[in-house]
Amino acid sequence: MGVKLLQYDQDLKSALSLLINVDLGDSRWDQASLPVWAGGLGIRSAVMLAPSAFLASAAGTAALVSQILPDSFTVLPDPLVSLALNQ
């Protein structure tokens, strides 16, 4: 995963810690990352969401991309899609 996503998650953790005035260790951060229905705060990790967000974007724009690009490009598979699927 990208360094920027890891930094974003760390900044989010630090900001939440300052906001609620609680030191968030790893186990507390894991619980805060849970959905609200599961007893967490619903704070989602960018590292965990990145592959599914990328795949949703790729799937949502596939038809438009195939219309815009010449036929010779549309048959080429996107290697990043297979990378995201394997994570």
N, C-alpha and C. Protein backbone atom coordinates (compact mmCIF):
# COMPACT_ATOMS: atom_id res chain seq x y z
N MET A 1 0.84 -1.18 0.00
CA MET A 1 0.00 0.00 0.00
C MET A 1 0.88 1.23 0.00
N GLY A 2 0.33 2.30 -0.48
CA GLY A 2 1.10 3.52 -0.60
C GLY A 2 1.44 4.14 0.73
N VAL A 3 2.57 4.81 0.75
CA VAL A 3 3.03 5.48 1.96
C VAL A 3 2.06 6.59 2.35
N LYS A 4 1.46 7.25 1.36
CA LYS A 4 0.53 8.34 1.67
C LYS A 4 -0.72 7.82 2.37
N LEU A 5 -1.19 6.63 2.00
CA LEU A 5 -2.35 6.06 2.69
C LEU A 5 -2.01 5.72 4.13
N LEU A 6 -0.84 5.17 4.34
CA LEU A 6 -0.41 4.85 5.71
C LEU A 6 -0.27 6.13 6.54
N GLN A 7 0.27 7.18 5.94
CA GLN A 7 0.41 8.46 6.65
C GLN A 7 -0.96 9.05 6.95
N TYR A 8 -1.88 8.94 5.99
CA TYR A 8 -3.24 9.44 6.21
C TYR A 8 -3.89 8.72 7.39
N ASP A 9 -3.77 7.39 7.43
CA ASP A 9 -4.33 6.63 8.54
C ASP A 9 -3.71 7.04 9.87
N GLN A 10 -2.41 7.27 9.88
CA GLN A 10 -1.74 7.70 11.11
C GLN A 10 -2.22 9.08 11.54
N ASP A 11 -2.37 9.99 10.58
CA ASP A 11 -2.88 11.32 10.89
C ASP A 11 -4.31 11.27 11.40
N LEU A 12 -5.12 10.40 10.81
CA LEU A 12 -6.51 10.23 11.26
C LEU A 12 -6.54 9.70 12.69
N LYS A 13 -5.69 8.74 12.97
CA LYS A 13 -5.61 8.17 14.32
C LYS A 13 -5.17 9.24 15.33
N SER A 14 -4.19 10.05 14.96
CA SER A 14 -3.71 11.12 15.86
C SER A 14 -4.79 12.17 16.09
N ALA A 15 -5.50 12.55 15.02
CA ALA A 15 -6.55 13.56 15.15
C ALA A 15 -7.68 13.04 16.04
N LEU A 16 -8.07 11.79 15.85
CA LEU A 16 -9.13 11.22 16.69
C LEU A 16 -8.67 11.15 18.14
N SER A 17 -7.44 10.79 18.36
CA SER A 17 -6.90 10.71 19.71
C SER A 17 -6.94 12.08 20.39
N LEU A 18 -6.58 13.12 19.65
CA LEU A 18 -6.65 14.47 20.21
C LEU A 18 -8.09 14.91 20.45
N LEU A 19 -8.97 14.56 19.55
CA LEU A 19 -10.37 14.98 19.64
C LEU A 19 -11.08 14.37 20.84
N ILE A 20 -10.86 13.09 21.06
CA ILE A 20 -11.55 12.42 22.17
C ILE A 20 -10.70 12.35 23.43
N ASN A 21 -9.47 12.85 23.36
CA ASN A 21 -8.56 12.90 24.49
C ASN A 21 -8.30 11.52 25.10
N VAL A 22 -8.06 10.56 24.20
CA VAL A 22 -7.76 9.19 24.62
C VAL A 22 -6.59 8.70 23.79
N ASP A 23 -5.61 8.09 24.47
CA ASP A 23 -4.49 7.51 23.74
C ASP A 23 -4.97 6.24 23.04
N LEU A 24 -4.89 6.23 21.72
CA LEU A 24 -5.37 5.09 20.95
C LEU A 24 -4.23 4.15 20.62
N GLY A 25 -4.12 3.09 21.40
CA GLY A 25 -3.17 2.03 21.07
C GLY A 25 -3.73 1.21 19.93
N ASP A 26 -3.01 0.19 19.54
CA ASP A 26 -3.43 -0.62 18.39
C ASP A 26 -4.79 -1.29 18.62
N SER A 27 -5.00 -1.84 19.80
CA SER A 27 -6.28 -2.53 20.05
C SER A 27 -7.44 -1.54 20.10
N ARG A 28 -7.21 -0.36 20.66
CA ARG A 28 -8.27 0.66 20.69
C ARG A 28 -8.55 1.20 19.29
N TRP A 29 -7.51 1.34 18.49
CA TRP A 29 -7.70 1.80 17.11
C TRP A 29 -8.46 0.75 16.30
N ASP A 30 -8.14 -0.52 16.53
CA ASP A 30 -8.88 -1.58 15.85
C ASP A 30 -10.36 -1.53 16.19
N GLN A 31 -10.66 -1.27 17.46
CA GLN A 31 -12.08 -1.19 17.86
C GLN A 31 -12.73 0.06 17.28
N ALA A 32 -12.03 1.18 17.26
CA ALA A 32 -12.59 2.41 16.68
C ALA A 32 -12.84 2.23 15.19
N SER A 33 -12.08 1.37 14.54
CA SER A 33 -12.23 1.13 13.11
C SER A 33 -13.41 0.23 12.77
N LEU A 34 -13.99 -0.40 13.77
CA LEU A 34 -15.15 -1.25 13.52
C LEU A 34 -16.35 -0.40 13.13
N PRO A 35 -17.29 -0.98 12.38
CA PRO A 35 -18.53 -0.25 12.08
C PRO A 35 -19.31 0.02 13.38
N VAL A 36 -20.18 1.01 13.34
CA VAL A 36 -20.95 1.38 14.52
C VAL A 36 -21.79 0.21 15.01
N TRP A 37 -22.40 -0.53 14.08
CA TRP A 37 -23.25 -1.66 14.48
C TRP A 37 -22.46 -2.74 15.21
N ALA A 38 -21.13 -2.76 15.04
CA ALA A 38 -20.29 -3.77 15.71
C ALA A 38 -19.62 -3.22 16.96
N GLY A 39 -20.03 -2.03 17.41
CA GLY A 39 -19.48 -1.47 18.63
C GLY A 39 -18.32 -0.52 18.43
N GLY A 40 -18.01 -0.16 17.20
CA GLY A 40 -16.92 0.76 16.92
C GLY A 40 -17.42 2.17 16.67
N LEU A 41 -16.51 3.02 16.27
CA LEU A 41 -16.85 4.41 15.95
C LEU A 41 -17.09 4.62 14.47
N GLY A 42 -16.84 3.61 13.67
CA GLY A 42 -17.06 3.72 12.23
C GLY A 42 -15.98 4.48 11.50
N ILE A 43 -14.81 4.65 12.14
CA ILE A 43 -13.68 5.33 11.50
C ILE A 43 -13.02 4.31 10.57
N ARG A 44 -13.06 4.55 9.29
CA ARG A 44 -12.57 3.58 8.32
C ARG A 44 -11.13 3.88 7.92
N SER A 45 -10.35 2.85 7.76
CA SER A 45 -8.95 2.96 7.37
C SER A 45 -8.84 3.13 5.87
N ALA A 46 -8.08 4.10 5.43
CA ALA A 46 -7.87 4.31 3.99
C ALA A 46 -7.14 3.14 3.37
N VAL A 47 -6.24 2.52 4.11
CA VAL A 47 -5.49 1.37 3.61
C VAL A 47 -6.44 0.20 3.35
N MET A 48 -7.41 0.01 4.22
CA MET A 48 -8.35 -1.09 4.05
C MET A 48 -9.38 -0.81 2.95
N LEU A 49 -9.73 0.45 2.75
CA LEU A 49 -10.76 0.79 1.76
C LEU A 49 -10.21 0.99 0.35
N ALA A 50 -8.92 1.22 0.21
CA ALA A 50 -8.35 1.57 -1.09
C ALA A 50 -8.59 0.52 -2.18
N PRO A 51 -8.35 -0.77 -1.94
CA PRO A 51 -8.57 -1.74 -3.03
C PRO A 51 -10.02 -1.80 -3.49
N SER A 52 -10.97 -1.81 -2.57
CA SER A 52 -12.38 -1.89 -2.98
C SER A 52 -12.83 -0.60 -3.65
N ALA A 53 -12.33 0.54 -3.21
CA ALA A 53 -12.68 1.81 -3.86
C ALA A 53 -12.12 1.86 -5.28
N PHE A 54 -10.90 1.37 -5.45
CA PHE A 54 -10.30 1.34 -6.79
C PHE A 54 -11.08 0.41 -7.71
N LEU A 55 -11.44 -0.78 -7.22
CA LEU A 55 -12.18 -1.73 -8.04
C LEU A 55 -13.56 -1.20 -8.41
N ALA A 56 -14.22 -0.52 -7.48
CA ALA A 56 -15.53 0.07 -7.78
C ALA A 56 -15.40 1.15 -8.84
N SER A 57 -14.36 1.95 -8.73
CA SER A 57 -14.12 3.00 -9.73
C SER A 57 -13.80 2.41 -11.09
N ALA A 58 -12.97 1.38 -11.11
CA ALA A 58 -12.62 0.73 -12.38
C ALA A 58 -13.83 0.08 -13.03
N ALA A 59 -14.66 -0.57 -12.24
CA ALA A 59 -15.86 -1.21 -12.77
C ALA A 59 -16.87 -0.18 -13.24
N GLY A 60 -17.00 0.91 -12.50
CA GLY A 60 -17.97 1.94 -12.85
C GLY A 60 -17.63 2.72 -14.10
N THR A 61 -16.36 2.78 -14.42
CA THR A 61 -15.93 3.56 -15.59
C THR A 61 -15.52 2.69 -16.77
N ALA A 62 -15.61 1.37 -16.64
CA ALA A 62 -15.13 0.47 -17.70
C ALA A 62 -15.83 0.72 -19.03
N ALA A 63 -17.14 0.90 -19.01
CA ALA A 63 -17.87 1.12 -20.26
C ALA A 63 -17.45 2.44 -20.92
N LEU A 64 -17.30 3.48 -20.12
CA LEU A 64 -16.89 4.77 -20.66
C LEU A 64 -15.48 4.72 -21.21
N VAL A 65 -14.59 4.05 -20.52
CA VAL A 65 -13.21 3.92 -20.98
C VAL A 65 -13.16 3.16 -22.30
N SER A 66 -13.97 2.12 -22.43
CA SER A 66 -13.97 1.35 -23.68
C SER A 66 -14.53 2.16 -24.83
N GLN A 67 -15.41 3.12 -24.55
CA GLN A 67 -15.94 4.00 -25.60
C GLN A 67 -14.93 5.05 -26.02
N ILE A 68 -14.15 5.53 -25.07
CA ILE A 68 -13.20 6.61 -25.35
C ILE A 68 -11.94 6.10 -26.05
N LEU A 69 -11.41 4.98 -25.56
CA LEU A 69 -10.14 4.47 -26.10
C LEU A 69 -10.36 3.72 -27.40
N PRO A 70 -9.35 3.71 -28.26
CA PRO A 70 -9.44 2.89 -29.47
C PRO A 70 -9.54 1.40 -29.12
N ASP A 71 -10.05 0.61 -30.04
CA ASP A 71 -10.25 -0.82 -29.80
C ASP A 71 -8.97 -1.54 -29.41
N SER A 72 -7.84 -1.08 -29.93
CA SER A 72 -6.58 -1.76 -29.62
C SER A 72 -6.20 -1.63 -28.14
N PHE A 73 -6.70 -0.62 -27.45
CA PHE A 73 -6.40 -0.43 -26.03
C PHE A 73 -7.39 -1.15 -25.13
N THR A 74 -8.60 -1.34 -25.58
CA THR A 74 -9.63 -1.89 -24.69
C THR A 74 -9.42 -3.37 -24.41
N VAL A 75 -8.65 -4.07 -25.22
CA VAL A 75 -8.42 -5.50 -24.97
C VAL A 75 -7.29 -5.73 -23.96
N LEU A 76 -6.54 -4.70 -23.65
CA LEU A 76 -5.44 -4.84 -22.69
C LEU A 76 -6.00 -4.85 -21.27
N PRO A 77 -5.67 -5.87 -20.49
CA PRO A 77 -6.14 -5.90 -19.10
C PRO A 77 -5.36 -4.90 -18.25
N ASP A 78 -6.03 -4.36 -17.27
CA ASP A 78 -5.38 -3.42 -16.35
C ASP A 78 -4.69 -4.23 -15.26
N PRO A 79 -3.35 -4.17 -15.18
CA PRO A 79 -2.65 -4.97 -14.17
C PRO A 79 -2.98 -4.55 -12.74
N LEU A 80 -3.40 -3.31 -12.55
CA LEU A 80 -3.74 -2.85 -11.20
C LEU A 80 -5.02 -3.49 -10.69
N VAL A 81 -5.93 -3.83 -11.61
CA VAL A 81 -7.16 -4.50 -11.19
C VAL A 81 -6.84 -5.87 -10.62
N SER A 82 -6.00 -6.62 -11.31
CA SER A 82 -5.65 -7.95 -10.80
C SER A 82 -4.85 -7.83 -9.49
N LEU A 83 -4.03 -6.80 -9.36
CA LEU A 83 -3.31 -6.59 -8.10
C LEU A 83 -4.27 -6.31 -6.96
N ALA A 84 -5.27 -5.45 -7.21
CA ALA A 84 -6.25 -5.12 -6.16
C ALA A 84 -7.10 -6.33 -5.81
N LEU A 85 -7.43 -7.15 -6.80
CA LEU A 85 -8.24 -8.34 -6.53
C LEU A 85 -7.49 -9.36 -5.69
N ASN A 86 -6.18 -9.38 -5.80
CA ASN A 86 -5.37 -10.36 -5.06
C ASN A 86 -5.05 -9.93 -3.64
N GLN A 87 -5.42 -8.74 -3.24
CA GLN A 87 -5.10 -8.27 -1.89
C GLN A 87 -6.15 -8.69 -0.91
